[in-house]
Amino acid sequence: MPPTITLLSDFGSADGFPAAIKAGILKRLPDATFIDITHDIAPQNVAAASFVLGQVAPRFPARTVHLAVVDPGVGSDRVPLILISPGGHKYVAPDNGLLTHVVAHSGPLKNVPHEHGFLEPYRAEVPDRWAAYEIDPGRAASELSNTFHGRDLFGPVAALLAHGAAPQGLGDRVGEITCLNVPGPSSGGDSLSGRIQYIDHFGNAATNIREADLTDIEIIVACRKFVADGPVDSYAAASGPGAIIASHGFLELFETNGSAAARYSLAVGDRVTVTSRVEA
């Protein structure tokens, strides 16, 4: 079976950057199969890239190689990384928090500093049964520009891994990686307080509140001027603002046939309050 390599980036489609990465991989691995997760992440938006990667990549078969490049620190001393999951998925990415939602599938992350703000980066222990390696460019790249590590470093490493190279042959194992601070919601009195962590292109706002966090069957969800009863069973069940446990598993704020983000000026980081409809 030809090796599968997924790609996610903020490169867009206008300038040919994704094609340049694929061209370099095909020179090394002519039978590679590419799946584009997306190249439309907003420029330098590591948090959005992490959320999308975490929702999509683990659904691929084991041994898939995932190449993710949203890299504001390209050319600096930020670390290039290989991350291997317990199920055999292989991730190649800058060590800047992009892999946060991928490793979060294993459970709560360790070393989370309480003083860090929402989505701020910090150093976290690599979860049990995972393995991380700091890529040594000298072992993988024949030439390395200061501005396009996706083509010159991450692409060649992805090709080598897909061809069967051992990650320890490409770099030294490390015990910590950079993650973004995405805590669970906090409770106080009769309410639950969370945050918006991602807004999709429909204008739907995903929070950090999971179904398991909700103890009441009927709730009221509020954020800025957004107020809705929930959770509803479908987007069609509300005639305006609504709240639903979406396919990604988080409580989501939406506007029927519209953009909740645009109509209510919602933004990533906004606080979301959940109260019991019975108590209200």
Protein backbone atom coordinates (compact mmCIF):
# COMPACT_ATOMS: atom_id res chain seq x y z
CA MET A 1 0.00 0.00 0.00
CA PRO A 2 1.47 3.42 -0.93
CA PRO A 3 2.45 5.53 2.10
CA THR A 4 -0.04 8.24 3.04
CA ILE A 5 1.12 11.73 4.01
CA THR A 6 -1.34 14.38 5.18
CA LEU A 7 -0.56 18.08 4.92
CA LEU A 8 -1.83 21.03 6.94
CA SER A 9 -0.52 24.58 6.65
CA ASP A 10 -1.29 28.28 6.49
CA PHE A 11 0.24 28.56 3.00
CA GLY A 12 -3.02 29.02 1.11
CA SER A 13 -3.31 28.08 -2.56
CA ALA A 14 -2.12 31.21 -4.36
CA ASP A 15 1.66 30.91 -4.11
CA GLY A 16 2.47 27.26 -4.77
CA PHE A 17 4.03 26.49 -1.40
CA PRO A 18 2.09 23.23 -0.81
CA ALA A 19 3.02 22.04 -4.32
CA ALA A 20 6.70 22.74 -3.65
CA ILE A 21 6.55 20.58 -0.51
CA LYS A 22 4.88 17.74 -2.41
CA ALA A 23 7.41 17.99 -5.25
CA GLY A 24 10.28 17.51 -2.82
CA ILE A 25 8.59 14.53 -1.19
CA LEU A 26 7.82 12.88 -4.54
CA LYS A 27 11.48 13.05 -5.53
CA ARG A 28 12.24 10.89 -2.51
CA LEU A 29 9.03 8.87 -2.43
CA PRO A 30 7.40 8.65 -5.89
CA ASP A 31 4.47 6.50 -4.76
CA ALA A 32 3.38 8.77 -1.90
CA THR A 33 -0.34 9.49 -1.51
CA PHE A 34 -1.13 13.02 -0.32
CA ILE A 35 -4.21 14.10 1.61
CA ASP A 36 -4.58 17.85 2.14
CA ILE A 37 -6.26 18.45 5.48
CA THR A 38 -6.24 22.20 4.78
CA HIS A 39 -3.91 24.96 3.66
CA ASP A 40 -6.36 27.69 4.69
CA ILE A 41 -5.37 28.13 8.33
CA ALA A 42 -5.15 31.88 9.00
CA PRO A 43 -1.51 33.00 8.75
CA GLN A 44 0.51 32.20 11.90
CA ASN A 45 -2.58 30.93 13.75
CA VAL A 46 -0.99 28.03 15.61
CA ALA A 47 -3.99 27.53 17.90
CA ALA A 48 -6.43 27.09 15.00
CA ALA A 49 -4.01 24.71 13.28
CA SER A 50 -3.72 22.64 16.45
CA PHE A 51 -7.50 22.35 16.80
CA VAL A 52 -8.03 21.28 13.18
CA LEU A 53 -5.13 18.81 13.22
CA GLY A 54 -6.39 17.28 16.46
CA GLN A 55 -9.85 16.74 15.00
CA VAL A 56 -8.72 15.18 11.72
CA ALA A 57 -5.33 13.46 11.93
CA PRO A 58 -6.16 10.74 14.49
CA ARG A 59 -8.96 9.49 12.20
CA PHE A 60 -6.44 8.29 9.60
CA PRO A 61 -5.07 4.74 9.59
CA ALA A 62 -2.11 3.89 11.80
CA ARG A 63 1.33 4.65 10.36
CA THR A 64 0.03 7.70 8.47
CA VAL A 65 2.57 10.53 8.42
CA HIS A 66 1.15 13.97 9.22
CA LEU A 67 3.09 17.02 8.03
CA ALA A 68 1.88 20.23 9.68
CA VAL A 69 3.51 23.60 9.01
CA VAL A 70 2.24 26.76 10.68
CA ASP A 71 5.59 28.18 11.63
CA PRO A 72 5.90 31.83 12.72
CA GLY A 73 9.35 30.99 14.13
CA VAL A 74 10.83 29.59 10.91
CA GLY A 75 14.56 30.32 10.73
CA SER A 76 14.82 30.94 14.48
CA ASP A 77 15.95 28.59 17.25
CA ARG A 78 12.51 26.96 17.54
CA VAL A 79 12.81 23.17 17.49
CA PRO A 80 11.71 20.97 14.55
CA LEU A 81 9.90 17.94 15.93
CA ILE A 82 8.85 14.37 15.24
CA LEU A 83 6.07 13.00 17.46
CA ILE A 84 5.01 9.35 17.43
CA SER A 85 1.63 8.36 18.90
CA PRO A 86 0.90 5.07 20.67
CA GLY A 87 -1.14 4.05 17.62
CA GLY A 88 1.74 4.60 15.22
CA HIS A 89 0.81 7.99 13.76
CA LYS A 90 3.88 10.05 12.89
CA TYR A 91 3.73 13.83 13.17
CA VAL A 92 6.28 16.25 11.73
CA ALA A 93 5.90 19.87 12.80
CA PRO A 94 7.57 22.84 14.46
CA ASP A 95 7.58 22.58 18.25
CA ASN A 96 5.39 25.62 18.84
CA GLY A 97 2.14 24.19 20.25
CA LEU A 98 0.78 22.93 16.94
CA LEU A 99 0.56 19.37 18.31
CA THR A 100 -1.40 20.30 21.46
CA HIS A 101 -4.78 18.86 20.47
CA VAL A 102 -3.15 15.73 19.05
CA VAL A 103 -1.52 14.79 22.36
CA ALA A 104 -4.58 15.93 24.33
CA HIS A 105 -6.40 12.86 23.01
CA SER A 106 -4.37 10.89 25.57
CA GLY A 107 -5.89 12.84 28.44
CA PRO A 108 -5.04 15.94 30.49
CA LEU A 109 -1.57 17.32 29.84
CA LYS A 110 0.99 17.56 32.62
CA ASN A 111 2.95 20.58 33.90
CA VAL A 112 0.19 23.07 33.02
CA PRO A 113 1.18 26.33 34.77
CA HIS A 114 -1.74 28.08 36.44
CA GLU A 115 -0.29 31.51 35.72
CA HIS A 116 -0.39 31.01 31.96
CA GLY A 117 -3.22 32.58 30.00
CA PHE A 118 -5.61 30.79 27.67
CA LEU A 119 -3.77 29.38 24.61
CA GLU A 120 -0.38 30.61 25.85
CA PRO A 121 2.48 28.17 25.13
CA TYR A 122 4.29 26.24 27.85
CA ARG A 123 6.54 23.20 28.13
CA ALA A 124 4.68 19.93 28.77
CA GLU A 125 5.84 16.40 29.45
CA VAL A 126 5.48 14.03 26.52
CA PRO A 127 2.53 11.76 27.45
CA ASP A 128 3.12 8.13 28.39
CA ARG A 129 3.58 5.80 25.40
CA TRP A 130 4.28 8.74 23.07
CA ALA A 131 7.78 9.55 21.79
CA ALA A 132 9.18 12.90 20.64
CA TYR A 133 12.41 13.60 18.78
CA GLU A 134 14.18 16.88 18.04
CA ILE A 135 15.03 16.74 14.36
CA ASP A 136 18.70 17.21 13.50
CA PRO A 137 18.70 19.10 10.17
CA GLY A 138 22.11 17.67 9.36
CA ARG A 139 20.60 14.17 9.19
CA ALA A 140 17.64 15.08 6.99
CA ALA A 141 18.19 18.21 4.89
CA SER A 142 20.66 18.58 2.05
CA GLU A 143 19.95 22.30 1.83
CA LEU A 144 18.05 24.48 4.26
CA SER A 145 16.68 27.96 3.62
CA ASN A 146 15.83 30.29 6.48
CA THR A 147 12.25 30.84 5.29
CA PHE A 148 10.86 27.54 3.97
CA HIS A 149 11.48 24.67 6.35
CA GLY A 150 8.26 23.05 5.14
CA ARG A 151 9.97 22.28 1.83
CA ASP A 152 13.57 21.93 2.98
CA LEU A 153 13.27 20.12 6.32
CA PHE A 154 9.80 18.93 7.32
CA GLY A 155 8.98 17.57 3.86
CA PRO A 156 12.16 15.45 3.59
CA VAL A 157 11.66 14.15 7.14
CA ALA A 158 8.05 13.18 6.33
CA ALA A 159 9.28 11.32 3.24
CA LEU A 160 11.92 9.46 5.23
CA LEU A 161 9.44 8.43 7.92
CA ALA A 162 6.89 7.32 5.32
CA HIS A 163 9.62 5.22 3.68
CA GLY A 164 10.28 3.47 6.99
CA ALA A 165 13.14 5.44 8.53
CA ALA A 166 13.42 5.18 12.30
CA PRO A 167 12.79 8.53 14.03
CA GLN A 168 15.80 8.05 16.31
CA GLY A 169 17.94 8.13 13.19
CA LEU A 170 16.72 11.65 12.45
CA GLY A 171 17.11 13.23 15.87
CA ASP A 172 17.48 12.77 19.60
CA ARG A 173 14.57 11.85 21.86
CA VAL A 174 13.23 14.60 24.12
CA GLY A 175 10.99 14.50 27.18
CA GLU A 176 9.09 17.77 26.72
CA ILE A 177 7.29 19.55 23.91
CA THR A 178 5.59 22.91 23.58
CA CYS A 179 1.83 22.90 24.15
CA LEU A 180 -0.83 25.58 24.31
CA ASN A 181 -2.74 26.12 27.52
CA VAL A 182 -6.24 24.79 26.83
CA PRO A 183 -7.66 24.09 30.29
CA GLY A 184 -11.06 22.60 30.90
CA PRO A 185 -13.93 24.80 32.10
CA SER A 186 -14.12 26.04 35.68
CA SER A 187 -17.18 25.78 37.90
CA GLY A 188 -18.44 28.24 40.43
CA GLY A 189 -21.75 28.08 42.24
CA ASP A 190 -24.45 27.06 39.78
CA SER A 191 -22.53 28.01 36.64
CA LEU A 192 -19.78 26.70 34.41
CA SER A 193 -17.25 29.02 32.77
CA GLY A 194 -15.37 28.14 29.60
CA ARG A 195 -13.71 29.80 26.62
CA ILE A 196 -14.08 29.88 22.86
CA GLN A 197 -11.10 28.01 21.45
CA TYR A 198 -11.84 27.87 17.71
CA ILE A 199 -14.14 29.53 15.16
CA ASP A 200 -14.77 27.72 11.88
CA HIS A 201 -15.50 29.27 8.49
CA PHE A 202 -19.25 29.05 9.13
CA GLY A 203 -18.79 31.32 12.14
CA ASN A 204 -19.54 28.52 14.61
CA ALA A 205 -17.61 28.92 17.87
CA ALA A 206 -16.21 25.79 19.54
CA THR A 207 -15.67 26.11 23.28
CA ASN A 208 -13.47 24.09 25.63
CA ILE A 209 -16.59 22.60 27.28
CA ARG A 210 -17.25 18.92 26.58
CA GLU A 211 -20.54 17.06 26.93
CA ALA A 212 -19.18 15.31 30.03
CA ASP A 213 -18.74 18.72 31.69
CA LEU A 214 -22.47 19.41 31.48
CA THR A 215 -24.42 18.03 34.40
CA ASP A 216 -27.78 19.52 33.47
CA ILE A 217 -29.96 18.34 30.61
CA GLU A 218 -31.19 21.84 29.81
CA ILE A 219 -28.83 24.80 29.93
CA ILE A 220 -28.52 28.45 28.98
CA VAL A 221 -25.34 29.45 27.19
CA ALA A 222 -24.17 33.05 27.12
CA CYS A 223 -21.22 34.88 25.54
CA ARG A 224 -21.19 38.63 24.91
CA LYS A 225 -24.67 39.28 23.38
CA PHE A 226 -25.12 35.63 22.43
CA VAL A 227 -27.73 33.82 24.57
CA ALA A 228 -29.23 30.44 23.72
CA ASP A 229 -30.93 27.47 25.28
CA GLY A 230 -29.31 24.10 24.70
CA PRO A 231 -27.93 21.82 23.89
CA VAL A 232 -30.08 21.18 20.82
CA ASP A 233 -29.88 18.05 18.66
CA SER A 234 -29.23 19.72 15.29
CA TYR A 235 -28.42 23.05 13.70
CA ALA A 236 -31.96 23.13 12.31
CA ALA A 237 -33.49 22.84 15.79
CA ALA A 238 -32.89 26.51 16.58
CA SER A 239 -34.43 29.47 14.80
CA GLY A 240 -31.57 31.83 15.70
CA PRO A 241 -28.73 31.39 18.18
CA GLY A 242 -28.19 27.85 19.40
CA ALA A 243 -25.79 25.67 21.35
CA ILE A 244 -24.95 22.10 20.35
CA ILE A 245 -22.46 19.36 21.13
CA ALA A 246 -20.84 19.34 17.69
CA SER A 247 -19.02 16.53 15.90
CA HIS A 248 -15.70 17.56 17.48
CA GLY A 249 -17.13 16.77 20.93
CA PHE A 250 -17.21 20.31 22.32
CA LEU A 251 -20.11 22.64 23.09
CA GLU A 252 -20.47 24.93 20.09
CA LEU A 253 -22.24 28.26 19.67
CA PHE A 254 -23.97 28.76 16.32
CA GLU A 255 -26.47 30.90 14.46
CA THR A 256 -28.98 29.08 12.25
CA ASN A 257 -28.19 29.86 8.60
CA GLY A 258 -25.75 32.53 9.69
CA SER A 259 -22.48 33.29 11.46
CA ALA A 260 -22.60 33.46 15.23
CA ALA A 261 -19.10 34.95 15.29
CA ALA A 262 -20.06 37.79 12.97
CA ARG A 263 -23.47 38.54 14.42
CA TYR A 264 -22.39 38.54 18.07
CA SER A 265 -18.76 39.67 17.63
CA LEU A 266 -17.44 36.43 19.10
CA ALA A 267 -13.69 35.84 19.26
CA VAL A 268 -11.31 33.13 20.36
CA GLY A 269 -10.67 33.51 24.08
CA ASP A 270 -14.10 34.96 24.87
CA ARG A 271 -15.59 33.65 28.10
CA VAL A 272 -18.67 31.42 27.80
CA THR A 273 -21.02 30.95 30.75
CA VAL A 274 -23.31 27.94 31.15
CA THR A 275 -26.11 27.92 33.71
CA SER A 276 -28.89 25.48 34.42
CA ARG A 277 -32.13 26.37 32.67
CA VAL A 278 -34.06 25.05 35.68
CA GLU A 279 -32.16 27.30 38.09
CA ALA A 280 -32.57 30.30 35.77
